[in-house]
């Protein structure tokens, strides 16, 4: 399970280190240790899927109406990249992915359970502010 928030710097080539806690989860709970990184279809960030979750996403896509499926494939599947982080935990993000998330030097990782998101730090801060405002009056009954 991916949880927590971490920030790392991306180098000029587009390499960024996956946080150690996320690499540990990947290695401990996902047999092949690989991730697929792609665009989010509805937010300006990237989503990292372990192989098992990527296969689940593909199964959901298979049942979509044809036109929606075609759009989803073009937006999410086409730019996806499979990674096995190098010895330093780094991945090299393609320009098309960096552009979608408007990634600059400061990159923020957010665990979302079975996947994790990769944000530009400034964009994450704005998104967090919006989320906090939206939840301001929400009471969780437990």
N, C-alpha and C. Protein backbone atom coordinates (compact mmCIF):
# COMPACT_ATOMS: atom_id res chain seq x y z
N UNK A 1 0.84 -1.18 0.00
CA UNK A 1 0.00 0.00 0.00
C UNK A 1 0.89 1.24 0.00
N UNK A 2 0.51 2.19 -0.82
CA UNK A 2 1.27 3.43 -0.93
C UNK A 2 0.57 4.50 -0.12
N UNK A 3 1.24 4.98 0.90
CA UNK A 3 0.69 6.07 1.70
C UNK A 3 1.81 7.00 2.12
N UNK A 4 1.45 8.23 2.38
CA UNK A 4 2.43 9.24 2.76
C UNK A 4 2.67 10.22 1.63
N UNK A 5 3.40 11.28 1.97
CA UNK A 5 3.76 12.33 1.02
C UNK A 5 5.27 12.54 1.10
N UNK A 6 5.87 12.70 -0.06
CA UNK A 6 7.31 12.88 -0.14
C UNK A 6 7.63 13.84 -1.27
N UNK A 7 8.67 14.61 -1.11
CA UNK A 7 9.13 15.49 -2.18
C UNK A 7 10.56 15.15 -2.55
N UNK A 8 10.84 15.18 -3.84
CA UNK A 8 12.19 14.95 -4.36
C UNK A 8 12.43 15.93 -5.49
N UNK A 9 13.68 16.13 -5.83
CA UNK A 9 14.02 16.98 -6.96
C UNK A 9 14.23 16.14 -8.21
N UNK A 10 13.75 16.68 -9.33
CA UNK A 10 13.96 16.06 -10.63
C UNK A 10 15.17 16.71 -11.26
N UNK A 11 16.03 15.91 -11.89
CA UNK A 11 17.20 16.51 -12.54
C UNK A 11 16.85 17.04 -13.93
N UNK A 12 17.81 17.66 -14.58
CA UNK A 12 17.58 18.29 -15.88
C UNK A 12 17.23 17.29 -16.98
N UNK A 13 17.55 16.02 -16.78
CA UNK A 13 17.21 14.99 -17.78
C UNK A 13 15.80 14.42 -17.58
N UNK A 14 15.15 14.78 -16.46
CA UNK A 14 13.82 14.25 -16.17
C UNK A 14 13.83 13.02 -15.28
N UNK A 15 14.97 12.79 -14.61
CA UNK A 15 15.05 11.66 -13.68
C UNK A 15 14.64 12.11 -12.29
N UNK A 16 13.87 11.27 -11.63
CA UNK A 16 13.45 11.55 -10.27
C UNK A 16 13.46 10.24 -9.48
N UNK A 17 13.82 10.32 -8.21
CA UNK A 17 13.86 9.13 -7.36
C UNK A 17 12.49 8.86 -6.75
N UNK A 18 12.04 7.65 -6.92
CA UNK A 18 10.82 7.20 -6.27
C UNK A 18 11.14 7.12 -4.77
N UNK A 19 10.30 7.66 -3.90
CA UNK A 19 10.60 7.61 -2.46
C UNK A 19 10.85 6.18 -1.97
N UNK A 20 11.78 6.06 -1.05
CA UNK A 20 12.16 4.74 -0.52
C UNK A 20 10.96 3.98 0.03
N UNK A 21 10.05 4.65 0.72
CA UNK A 21 8.88 3.97 1.27
C UNK A 21 8.02 3.36 0.16
N UNK A 22 7.91 4.05 -0.98
CA UNK A 22 7.13 3.53 -2.10
C UNK A 22 7.88 2.38 -2.78
N UNK A 23 9.20 2.48 -2.87
CA UNK A 23 9.98 1.37 -3.44
C UNK A 23 9.87 0.14 -2.55
N UNK A 24 9.88 0.34 -1.24
CA UNK A 24 9.72 -0.79 -0.31
C UNK A 24 8.37 -1.47 -0.51
N UNK A 25 7.31 -0.67 -0.61
CA UNK A 25 5.97 -1.23 -0.85
C UNK A 25 5.93 -1.99 -2.16
N UNK A 26 6.54 -1.42 -3.16
CA UNK A 26 6.58 -2.04 -4.49
C UNK A 26 7.29 -3.39 -4.42
N UNK A 27 8.43 -3.44 -3.74
CA UNK A 27 9.20 -4.67 -3.65
C UNK A 27 8.58 -5.70 -2.72
N UNK A 28 7.93 -5.25 -1.65
CA UNK A 28 7.36 -6.17 -0.67
C UNK A 28 5.99 -6.72 -1.06
N UNK A 29 5.21 -5.98 -1.83
CA UNK A 29 3.84 -6.38 -2.10
C UNK A 29 3.55 -6.61 -3.58
N UNK A 30 4.50 -6.35 -4.44
CA UNK A 30 4.28 -6.51 -5.88
C UNK A 30 5.48 -7.28 -6.44
N UNK A 31 5.20 -8.51 -6.85
CA UNK A 31 6.25 -9.48 -7.18
C UNK A 31 7.30 -8.98 -8.16
N UNK A 32 6.91 -8.29 -9.21
CA UNK A 32 7.91 -7.93 -10.22
C UNK A 32 8.62 -6.61 -9.93
N UNK A 33 8.13 -5.83 -8.95
CA UNK A 33 8.79 -4.58 -8.58
C UNK A 33 8.71 -3.49 -9.63
N UNK A 34 7.83 -3.65 -10.62
CA UNK A 34 7.72 -2.67 -11.69
C UNK A 34 6.51 -1.77 -11.49
N UNK A 35 6.61 -0.58 -12.09
CA UNK A 35 5.49 0.35 -12.09
C UNK A 35 5.27 0.86 -13.51
N UNK A 36 4.03 1.21 -13.78
CA UNK A 36 3.67 1.86 -15.03
C UNK A 36 3.24 3.27 -14.66
N UNK A 37 3.88 4.26 -15.27
CA UNK A 37 3.56 5.65 -14.99
C UNK A 37 2.91 6.25 -16.22
N UNK A 38 1.81 6.97 -15.99
CA UNK A 38 1.07 7.58 -17.09
C UNK A 38 0.34 8.83 -16.61
N UNK A 39 -0.35 9.47 -17.56
CA UNK A 39 -1.15 10.66 -17.24
C UNK A 39 -2.36 10.27 -16.40
N UNK A 40 -2.77 11.18 -15.54
CA UNK A 40 -4.10 11.09 -14.95
C UNK A 40 -5.06 11.60 -16.02
N UNK A 41 -6.22 10.99 -16.11
CA UNK A 41 -7.19 11.43 -17.12
C UNK A 41 -7.98 12.65 -16.68
N UNK A 42 -7.90 13.03 -15.40
CA UNK A 42 -8.74 14.14 -14.94
C UNK A 42 -8.06 15.13 -14.00
N UNK A 43 -6.76 14.99 -13.78
CA UNK A 43 -6.03 15.96 -12.97
C UNK A 43 -4.64 16.17 -13.57
N UNK A 44 -4.01 17.30 -13.29
CA UNK A 44 -2.68 17.56 -13.86
C UNK A 44 -1.55 16.89 -13.08
N UNK A 45 -1.61 15.57 -13.05
CA UNK A 45 -0.57 14.81 -12.36
C UNK A 45 -0.35 13.51 -13.11
N UNK A 46 0.63 12.74 -12.65
CA UNK A 46 0.89 11.41 -13.18
C UNK A 46 0.44 10.39 -12.15
N UNK A 47 0.11 9.20 -12.62
CA UNK A 47 -0.26 8.12 -11.71
C UNK A 47 0.68 6.95 -11.97
N UNK A 48 1.18 6.37 -10.89
CA UNK A 48 2.05 5.20 -10.96
C UNK A 48 1.27 3.98 -10.49
N UNK A 49 1.20 2.99 -11.37
CA UNK A 49 0.47 1.75 -11.11
C UNK A 49 1.44 0.58 -11.00
N UNK A 50 1.37 -0.18 -9.91
CA UNK A 50 2.08 -1.45 -9.92
C UNK A 50 1.44 -2.33 -11.00
N UNK A 51 2.14 -3.32 -11.49
CA UNK A 51 1.65 -4.15 -12.59
C UNK A 51 0.26 -4.72 -12.32
N UNK A 52 0.02 -5.21 -11.13
CA UNK A 52 -1.29 -5.79 -10.79
C UNK A 52 -2.42 -4.77 -10.96
N UNK A 53 -2.19 -3.54 -10.50
CA UNK A 53 -3.22 -2.50 -10.62
C UNK A 53 -3.39 -2.05 -12.07
N UNK A 54 -2.31 -2.07 -12.84
CA UNK A 54 -2.39 -1.72 -14.26
C UNK A 54 -3.27 -2.74 -15.00
N UNK A 55 -3.12 -4.01 -14.66
CA UNK A 55 -3.95 -5.05 -15.27
C UNK A 55 -5.41 -4.87 -14.89
N UNK A 56 -5.67 -4.46 -13.66
CA UNK A 56 -7.05 -4.19 -13.23
C UNK A 56 -7.63 -3.02 -14.02
N UNK A 57 -6.83 -1.97 -14.23
CA UNK A 57 -7.28 -0.82 -15.02
C UNK A 57 -7.62 -1.27 -16.45
N UNK A 58 -6.77 -2.08 -17.04
CA UNK A 58 -7.02 -2.55 -18.40
C UNK A 58 -8.31 -3.36 -18.50
N UNK A 59 -8.63 -4.12 -17.45
CA UNK A 59 -9.88 -4.89 -17.44
C UNK A 59 -11.08 -3.95 -17.40
N UNK A 60 -10.97 -2.86 -16.65
CA UNK A 60 -12.06 -1.87 -16.59
C UNK A 60 -12.23 -1.19 -17.94
N UNK A 61 -11.12 -0.85 -18.57
CA UNK A 61 -11.16 -0.17 -19.87
C UNK A 61 -11.84 -1.05 -20.91
N UNK A 62 -11.61 -2.33 -20.85
CA UNK A 62 -12.16 -3.27 -21.82
C UNK A 62 -13.69 -3.17 -21.89
N UNK A 63 -14.33 -2.85 -20.77
CA UNK A 63 -15.79 -2.80 -20.70
C UNK A 63 -16.37 -1.41 -20.94
N UNK A 64 -15.53 -0.43 -21.26
CA UNK A 64 -16.02 0.93 -21.52
C UNK A 64 -16.74 0.99 -22.87
N UNK A 65 -17.69 1.94 -23.01
CA UNK A 65 -18.27 2.17 -24.33
C UNK A 65 -17.16 2.54 -25.32
N UNK A 66 -17.33 2.17 -26.59
CA UNK A 66 -16.27 2.28 -27.60
C UNK A 66 -15.65 3.66 -27.70
N UNK A 67 -16.44 4.71 -27.77
CA UNK A 67 -15.87 6.05 -27.94
C UNK A 67 -15.08 6.48 -26.71
N UNK A 68 -15.65 6.24 -25.53
CA UNK A 68 -14.95 6.57 -24.28
C UNK A 68 -13.67 5.77 -24.16
N UNK A 69 -13.73 4.51 -24.53
CA UNK A 69 -12.56 3.63 -24.50
C UNK A 69 -11.45 4.18 -25.39
N UNK A 70 -11.80 4.61 -26.59
CA UNK A 70 -10.81 5.14 -27.53
C UNK A 70 -10.12 6.37 -26.94
N UNK A 71 -10.91 7.28 -26.35
CA UNK A 71 -10.33 8.48 -25.73
C UNK A 71 -9.44 8.11 -24.55
N UNK A 72 -9.91 7.21 -23.71
CA UNK A 72 -9.14 6.81 -22.53
C UNK A 72 -7.82 6.18 -22.94
N UNK A 73 -7.85 5.32 -23.94
CA UNK A 73 -6.62 4.69 -24.42
C UNK A 73 -5.64 5.74 -24.90
N UNK A 74 -6.12 6.72 -25.68
CA UNK A 74 -5.23 7.76 -26.21
C UNK A 74 -4.64 8.63 -25.10
N UNK A 75 -5.44 8.91 -24.09
CA UNK A 75 -4.99 9.81 -23.02
C UNK A 75 -4.15 9.10 -21.98
N UNK A 76 -4.51 7.87 -21.62
CA UNK A 76 -3.87 7.18 -20.50
C UNK A 76 -2.93 6.04 -20.92
N UNK A 77 -3.38 5.18 -21.81
CA UNK A 77 -2.58 4.01 -22.17
C UNK A 77 -1.41 4.39 -23.08
N UNK A 78 -1.68 5.19 -24.11
CA UNK A 78 -0.65 5.52 -25.10
C UNK A 78 0.63 6.10 -24.48
N UNK A 79 0.55 7.08 -23.57
CA UNK A 79 1.81 7.66 -23.06
C UNK A 79 2.46 6.88 -21.92
N UNK A 80 1.86 5.77 -21.51
CA UNK A 80 2.36 5.05 -20.34
C UNK A 80 3.76 4.49 -20.59
N UNK A 81 4.52 4.40 -19.50
CA UNK A 81 5.87 3.85 -19.53
C UNK A 81 6.03 2.88 -18.37
N UNK A 82 6.65 1.75 -18.65
CA UNK A 82 6.92 0.77 -17.60
C UNK A 82 8.33 0.99 -17.07
N UNK A 83 8.47 0.92 -15.76
CA UNK A 83 9.75 1.16 -15.12
C UNK A 83 10.06 0.10 -14.07
N UNK A 84 11.33 -0.20 -13.96
CA UNK A 84 11.89 -0.87 -12.80
C UNK A 84 12.91 0.15 -12.32
N UNK A 85 12.65 0.83 -11.20
CA UNK A 85 13.59 1.86 -10.75
C UNK A 85 15.03 1.36 -10.70
N UNK A 86 15.98 2.22 -11.08
CA UNK A 86 17.39 1.83 -11.06
C UNK A 86 17.89 1.67 -9.63
N UNK A 87 19.17 1.38 -9.45
CA UNK A 87 19.73 1.14 -8.11
C UNK A 87 19.53 2.30 -7.16
N UNK A 88 19.44 3.50 -7.70
CA UNK A 88 19.21 4.69 -6.86
C UNK A 88 17.72 5.01 -6.73
N UNK A 89 16.87 4.15 -7.28
CA UNK A 89 15.43 4.35 -7.18
C UNK A 89 14.87 5.33 -8.19
N UNK A 90 15.67 5.67 -9.21
CA UNK A 90 15.25 6.69 -10.16
C UNK A 90 14.51 6.11 -11.36
N UNK A 91 13.63 6.96 -11.90
CA UNK A 91 12.98 6.69 -13.18
C UNK A 91 13.17 7.92 -14.06
N UNK A 92 13.20 7.71 -15.36
CA UNK A 92 13.33 8.79 -16.32
C UNK A 92 11.97 9.04 -16.95
N UNK A 93 11.36 10.15 -16.59
CA UNK A 93 10.01 10.47 -17.08
C UNK A 93 10.09 11.11 -18.46
N UNK A 94 9.31 10.59 -19.39
CA UNK A 94 9.27 11.13 -20.75
C UNK A 94 8.74 12.56 -20.73
N UNK A 95 9.19 13.34 -21.72
CA UNK A 95 8.77 14.73 -21.83
C UNK A 95 7.26 14.90 -21.86
N UNK A 96 6.55 14.02 -22.58
CA UNK A 96 5.10 14.13 -22.69
C UNK A 96 4.44 13.98 -21.31
N UNK A 97 4.99 13.15 -20.47
CA UNK A 97 4.45 12.99 -19.11
C UNK A 97 4.79 14.20 -18.25
N UNK A 98 6.03 14.66 -18.34
CA UNK A 98 6.43 15.84 -17.56
C UNK A 98 5.59 17.05 -17.95
N UNK A 99 5.30 17.19 -19.25
CA UNK A 99 4.49 18.32 -19.71
C UNK A 99 3.07 18.24 -19.17
N UNK A 100 2.46 17.06 -19.19
CA UNK A 100 1.09 16.92 -18.69
C UNK A 100 0.97 17.39 -17.24
N UNK A 101 1.93 16.99 -16.42
CA UNK A 101 1.89 17.33 -14.99
C UNK A 101 2.60 18.65 -14.70
N UNK A 102 3.10 19.33 -15.74
CA UNK A 102 3.83 20.59 -15.58
C UNK A 102 4.93 20.46 -14.53
N UNK A 103 5.65 19.33 -14.59
CA UNK A 103 6.68 19.07 -13.58
C UNK A 103 7.86 20.02 -13.77
N UNK A 104 8.25 20.60 -12.66
CA UNK A 104 9.46 21.42 -12.61
C UNK A 104 10.46 20.67 -11.74
N UNK A 105 11.39 21.35 -11.19
CA UNK A 105 12.43 20.69 -10.38
C UNK A 105 11.86 19.99 -9.14
N UNK A 106 10.94 20.64 -8.45
CA UNK A 106 10.39 20.10 -7.21
C UNK A 106 9.17 19.23 -7.51
N UNK A 107 9.32 17.93 -7.23
CA UNK A 107 8.28 16.95 -7.53
C UNK A 107 7.73 16.38 -6.21
N UNK A 108 6.42 16.22 -6.16
CA UNK A 108 5.76 15.73 -4.95
C UNK A 108 5.09 14.39 -5.23
N UNK A 109 5.30 13.42 -4.34
CA UNK A 109 4.71 12.09 -4.45
C UNK A 109 3.62 11.97 -3.38
N UNK A 110 2.46 11.48 -3.79
CA UNK A 110 1.33 11.32 -2.86
C UNK A 110 0.80 9.90 -2.96
N UNK A 111 0.86 9.17 -1.86
CA UNK A 111 0.33 7.82 -1.84
C UNK A 111 -1.19 7.85 -1.84
N UNK A 112 -1.79 6.98 -2.67
CA UNK A 112 -3.26 6.94 -2.78
C UNK A 112 -3.79 5.52 -2.58
N UNK A 113 -3.07 4.72 -1.84
CA UNK A 113 -3.51 3.34 -1.59
C UNK A 113 -2.80 2.37 -2.52
N UNK A 114 -3.49 1.93 -3.55
CA UNK A 114 -2.93 0.94 -4.47
C UNK A 114 -2.06 1.56 -5.56
N UNK A 115 -2.08 2.90 -5.68
CA UNK A 115 -1.27 3.62 -6.65
C UNK A 115 -0.66 4.82 -5.93
N UNK A 116 0.17 5.57 -6.66
CA UNK A 116 0.61 6.85 -6.12
C UNK A 116 0.65 7.89 -7.24
N UNK A 117 0.53 9.14 -6.84
CA UNK A 117 0.50 10.25 -7.79
C UNK A 117 1.83 11.00 -7.75
N UNK A 118 2.16 11.59 -8.89
CA UNK A 118 3.36 12.41 -9.01
C UNK A 118 2.92 13.79 -9.48
N UNK A 119 3.19 14.80 -8.68
CA UNK A 119 2.74 16.17 -8.91
C UNK A 119 3.92 17.13 -8.98
N UNK A 120 3.74 18.23 -9.67
CA UNK A 120 4.60 19.37 -9.48
C UNK A 120 4.28 19.90 -8.09
N UNK A 121 5.28 20.23 -7.29
CA UNK A 121 5.05 20.62 -5.89
C UNK A 121 4.09 21.80 -5.77
N UNK A 122 4.24 22.82 -6.63
CA UNK A 122 3.35 23.99 -6.56
C UNK A 122 1.91 23.60 -6.89
N UNK A 123 1.73 22.72 -7.88
CA UNK A 123 0.38 22.26 -8.23
C UNK A 123 -0.23 21.44 -7.09
N UNK A 124 0.60 20.62 -6.46
CA UNK A 124 0.11 19.83 -5.31
C UNK A 124 -0.36 20.77 -4.20
N UNK A 125 0.42 21.78 -3.90
CA UNK A 125 0.05 22.71 -2.83
C UNK A 125 -1.31 23.36 -3.11
N UNK A 126 -1.54 23.75 -4.37
CA UNK A 126 -2.84 24.35 -4.75
C UNK A 126 -3.96 23.32 -4.60
N UNK A 127 -3.71 22.10 -5.06
CA UNK A 127 -4.71 21.03 -4.98
C UNK A 127 -5.05 20.72 -3.53
N UNK A 128 -4.05 20.70 -2.68
CA UNK A 128 -4.26 20.44 -1.26
C UNK A 128 -5.10 21.55 -0.63
N UNK A 129 -4.81 22.78 -0.98
CA UNK A 129 -5.58 23.91 -0.48
C UNK A 129 -7.06 23.80 -0.88
N UNK A 130 -7.32 23.43 -2.13
CA UNK A 130 -8.69 23.24 -2.61
C UNK A 130 -9.38 22.12 -1.83
N UNK A 131 -8.65 21.02 -1.62
CA UNK A 131 -9.20 19.89 -0.87
C UNK A 131 -9.52 20.25 0.57
N UNK A 132 -8.63 20.97 1.21
CA UNK A 132 -8.86 21.38 2.60
C UNK A 132 -10.09 22.29 2.70
N UNK A 133 -10.24 23.21 1.76
CA UNK A 133 -11.41 24.11 1.76
C UNK A 133 -12.70 23.31 1.53
N UNK A 134 -12.66 22.34 0.62
CA UNK A 134 -13.85 21.55 0.33
C UNK A 134 -14.27 20.69 1.52
N UNK A 135 -13.30 20.27 2.32
CA UNK A 135 -13.58 19.39 3.46
C UNK A 135 -13.73 20.14 4.78
N UNK A 136 -13.64 21.44 4.74
CA UNK A 136 -13.64 22.26 5.96
C UNK A 136 -14.77 21.93 6.91
N UNK A 137 -15.97 21.77 6.42
CA UNK A 137 -17.14 21.53 7.27
C UNK A 137 -17.56 20.07 7.31
N UNK A 138 -16.80 19.21 6.69
CA UNK A 138 -17.15 17.80 6.63
C UNK A 138 -16.79 17.11 7.95
N UNK A 139 -17.74 16.37 8.51
CA UNK A 139 -17.50 15.60 9.74
C UNK A 139 -17.52 14.13 9.39
N UNK A 140 -16.50 13.42 9.76
CA UNK A 140 -16.39 12.00 9.49
C UNK A 140 -16.94 11.23 10.68
N UNK A 141 -17.97 10.43 10.47
CA UNK A 141 -18.54 9.62 11.54
C UNK A 141 -17.86 8.26 11.57
N UNK A 142 -17.20 8.00 12.68
CA UNK A 142 -16.52 6.72 12.83
C UNK A 142 -16.89 6.10 14.14
